[in-house]
Amino acid sequence: MHPNAKPVLHADPGPAGVVLSVAQGMAEDVTIYCRRAHEREFSLLADEEDDLPYHDTRPKLGADPEKRFYYAVLLYSGEENRLRSDEVEVTVH
């Protein structure tokens, strides 16, 4: 994947949480961000120290299904390339 290429993020919900994988190409690492439906801002979920695929095993904040939004940024030489993946929406039951 070229350093100027937009990363592709896949999110698969399952019984043990959301499994996140990224087409990383030649990038050294990836950073993944998440926002829950009630939150206004994205926060860091996983970085270069975490293995892929990453498992978001955080419990829901309430009893109802919870929407989560994710995006990824590729890292080259320890720096984000500033091209975000498309946001991926997942509902956790």
C-alpha atoms as a PDB file:
ATOM      1  CA  MET A   1       0.000   0.000   0.000  1.00  0.00           C
ATOM      2  CA  HIS A   2       1.424   3.378  -0.990  1.00  0.00           C
ATOM      3  CA  PRO A   3       2.088   5.839   1.900  1.00  0.00           C
ATOM      4  CA  ASN A   4      -0.547   8.151   0.423  1.00  0.00           C
ATOM      5  CA  ALA A   5      -3.146   5.393   0.217  1.00  0.00           C
ATOM      6  CA  LYS A   6      -6.216   5.498   2.401  1.00  0.00           C
ATOM      7  CA  PRO A   7      -6.311   2.556   4.845  1.00  0.00           C
ATOM      8  CA  VAL A   8      -9.180   0.068   4.734  1.00  0.00           C
ATOM      9  CA  LEU A   9     -10.657  -0.876   8.111  1.00  0.00           C
ATOM     10  CA  HIS A  10     -12.852  -3.928   8.697  1.00  0.00           C
ATOM     11  CA  ALA A  11     -14.926  -4.367  11.855  1.00  0.00           C
ATOM     12  CA  ASP A  12     -16.701  -7.623  12.642  1.00  0.00           C
ATOM     13  CA  PRO A  13     -18.972  -7.765  15.705  1.00  0.00           C
ATOM     14  CA  GLY A  14     -19.011 -11.023  17.598  1.00  0.00           C
ATOM     15  CA  PRO A  15     -20.019 -12.456  20.955  1.00  0.00           C
ATOM     16  CA  ALA A  16     -16.673 -11.522  22.553  1.00  0.00           C
ATOM     17  CA  GLY A  17     -16.526  -7.970  21.140  1.00  0.00           C
ATOM     18  CA  VAL A  18     -15.592  -6.280  17.882  1.00  0.00           C
ATOM     19  CA  VAL A  19     -12.681  -7.627  15.837  1.00  0.00           C
ATOM     20  CA  LEU A  20     -10.865  -4.852  13.939  1.00  0.00           C
ATOM     21  CA  SER A  21      -8.451  -5.499  11.097  1.00  0.00           C
ATOM     22  CA  VAL A  22      -6.703  -3.131   8.712  1.00  0.00           C
ATOM     23  CA  ALA A  23      -5.199  -3.612   5.266  1.00  0.00           C
ATOM     24  CA  GLN A  24      -1.791  -2.341   6.380  1.00  0.00           C
ATOM     25  CA  GLY A  25       0.271  -2.770   3.216  1.00  0.00           C
ATOM     26  CA  MET A  26       3.784  -1.375   3.623  1.00  0.00           C
ATOM     27  CA  ALA A  27       2.874   0.674   6.705  1.00  0.00           C
ATOM     28  CA  GLU A  28       4.818  -0.121   9.834  1.00  0.00           C
ATOM     29  CA  ASP A  29       1.853   0.102  12.173  1.00  0.00           C
ATOM     30  CA  VAL A  30      -1.667   1.390  12.548  1.00  0.00           C
ATOM     31  CA  THR A  31      -3.600   3.531  15.017  1.00  0.00           C
ATOM     32  CA  ILE A  32      -7.299   2.839  15.624  1.00  0.00           C
ATOM     33  CA  TYR A  33      -9.756   5.353  17.079  1.00  0.00           C
ATOM     34  CA  CYS A  34     -13.260   4.778  18.449  1.00  0.00           C
ATOM     35  CA  ARG A  35     -16.299   6.832  19.394  1.00  0.00           C
ATOM     36  CA  ARG A  36     -19.382   5.456  21.090  1.00  0.00           C
ATOM     37  CA  ALA A  37     -22.726   6.869  19.967  1.00  0.00           C
ATOM     38  CA  HIS A  38     -23.140   9.157  22.990  1.00  0.00           C
ATOM     39  CA  GLU A  39     -19.567  10.523  22.757  1.00  0.00           C
ATOM     40  CA  ARG A  40     -18.710  13.631  20.765  1.00  0.00           C
ATOM     41  CA  GLU A  41     -15.038  12.905  20.106  1.00  0.00           C
ATOM     42  CA  PHE A  42     -12.996   9.941  18.957  1.00  0.00           C
ATOM     43  CA  SER A  43     -10.415   8.565  21.371  1.00  0.00           C
ATOM     44  CA  LEU A  44      -7.400   6.326  20.890  1.00  0.00           C
ATOM     45  CA  LEU A  45      -8.356   2.660  21.067  1.00  0.00           C
ATOM     46  CA  ALA A  46      -5.266   0.844  19.769  1.00  0.00           C
ATOM     47  CA  ASP A  47      -1.813   1.868  18.619  1.00  0.00           C
ATOM     48  CA  GLU A  48       1.412   0.407  17.290  1.00  0.00           C
ATOM     49  CA  GLU A  49       1.983  -1.573  20.484  1.00  0.00           C
ATOM     50  CA  ASP A  50      -1.217  -3.581  19.987  1.00  0.00           C
ATOM     51  CA  ASP A  51      -1.420  -6.602  17.704  1.00  0.00           C
ATOM     52  CA  LEU A  52      -3.787  -6.860  14.753  1.00  0.00           C
ATOM     53  CA  PRO A  53      -6.445  -7.932  14.480  1.00  0.00           C
ATOM     54  CA  TYR A  54      -7.413  -5.867  17.514  1.00  0.00           C
ATOM     55  CA  HIS A  55     -10.264  -7.052  19.737  1.00  0.00           C
ATOM     56  CA  ASP A  56     -12.430  -4.338  21.293  1.00  0.00           C
ATOM     57  CA  THR A  57     -13.701  -6.253  24.296  1.00  0.00           C
ATOM     58  CA  ARG A  58     -14.932  -3.255  26.273  1.00  0.00           C
ATOM     59  CA  PRO A  59     -18.349  -3.861  27.803  1.00  0.00           C
ATOM     60  CA  LYS A  60     -21.344  -1.826  26.672  1.00  0.00           C
ATOM     61  CA  LEU A  61     -22.152   1.204  28.786  1.00  0.00           C
ATOM     62  CA  GLY A  62     -25.805   0.187  29.179  1.00  0.00           C
ATOM     63  CA  ALA A  63     -28.260  -2.634  28.573  1.00  0.00           C
ATOM     64  CA  ASP A  64     -29.375  -1.453  25.112  1.00  0.00           C
ATOM     65  CA  PRO A  65     -27.451  -2.143  21.895  1.00  0.00           C
ATOM     66  CA  GLU A  66     -24.554   0.322  21.557  1.00  0.00           C
ATOM     67  CA  LYS A  67     -23.364   1.925  18.330  1.00  0.00           C
ATOM     68  CA  ARG A  68     -19.615   2.349  17.947  1.00  0.00           C
ATOM     69  CA  PHE A  69     -17.728   4.160  15.216  1.00  0.00           C
ATOM     70  CA  TYR A  70     -14.132   3.326  14.288  1.00  0.00           C
ATOM     71  CA  TYR A  71     -11.456   4.650  11.944  1.00  0.00           C
ATOM     72  CA  ALA A  72      -7.790   3.833  11.361  1.00  0.00           C
ATOM     73  CA  VAL A  73      -4.669   5.777  10.404  1.00  0.00           C
ATOM     74  CA  LEU A  74      -1.506   4.124   9.039  1.00  0.00           C
ATOM     75  CA  LEU A  75       1.915   4.844  10.555  1.00  0.00           C
ATOM     76  CA  TYR A  76       5.113   5.257   8.556  1.00  0.00           C
ATOM     77  CA  SER A  77       8.352   5.866  10.497  1.00  0.00           C
ATOM     78  CA  GLY A  78       6.288   6.308  13.634  1.00  0.00           C
ATOM     79  CA  GLU A  79       4.166   9.124  12.174  1.00  0.00           C
ATOM     80  CA  GLU A  80       0.522   9.022  11.100  1.00  0.00           C
ATOM     81  CA  ASN A  81       0.119   9.626   7.368  1.00  0.00           C
ATOM     82  CA  ARG A  82      -2.969  11.781   8.011  1.00  0.00           C
ATOM     83  CA  LEU A  83      -5.182   9.739   5.691  1.00  0.00           C
ATOM     84  CA  ARG A  84      -8.049   8.265   7.666  1.00  0.00           C
ATOM     85  CA  SER A  85      -9.948   5.186   6.704  1.00  0.00           C
ATOM     86  CA  ASP A  86     -13.658   5.530   6.179  1.00  0.00           C
ATOM     87  CA  GLU A  87     -15.602   5.360   9.422  1.00  0.00           C
ATOM     88  CA  VAL A  88     -17.015   1.947  10.181  1.00  0.00           C
ATOM     89  CA  GLU A  89     -20.189   1.685  12.269  1.00  0.00           C
ATOM     90  CA  VAL A  90     -20.858  -1.379  14.417  1.00  0.00           C
ATOM     91  CA  THR A  91     -23.728  -2.169  16.775  1.00  0.00           C
ATOM     92  CA  VAL A  92     -22.721  -4.140  19.857  1.00  0.00           C
ATOM     93  CA  HIS A  93     -25.572  -6.205  21.333  1.00  0.00           C
END
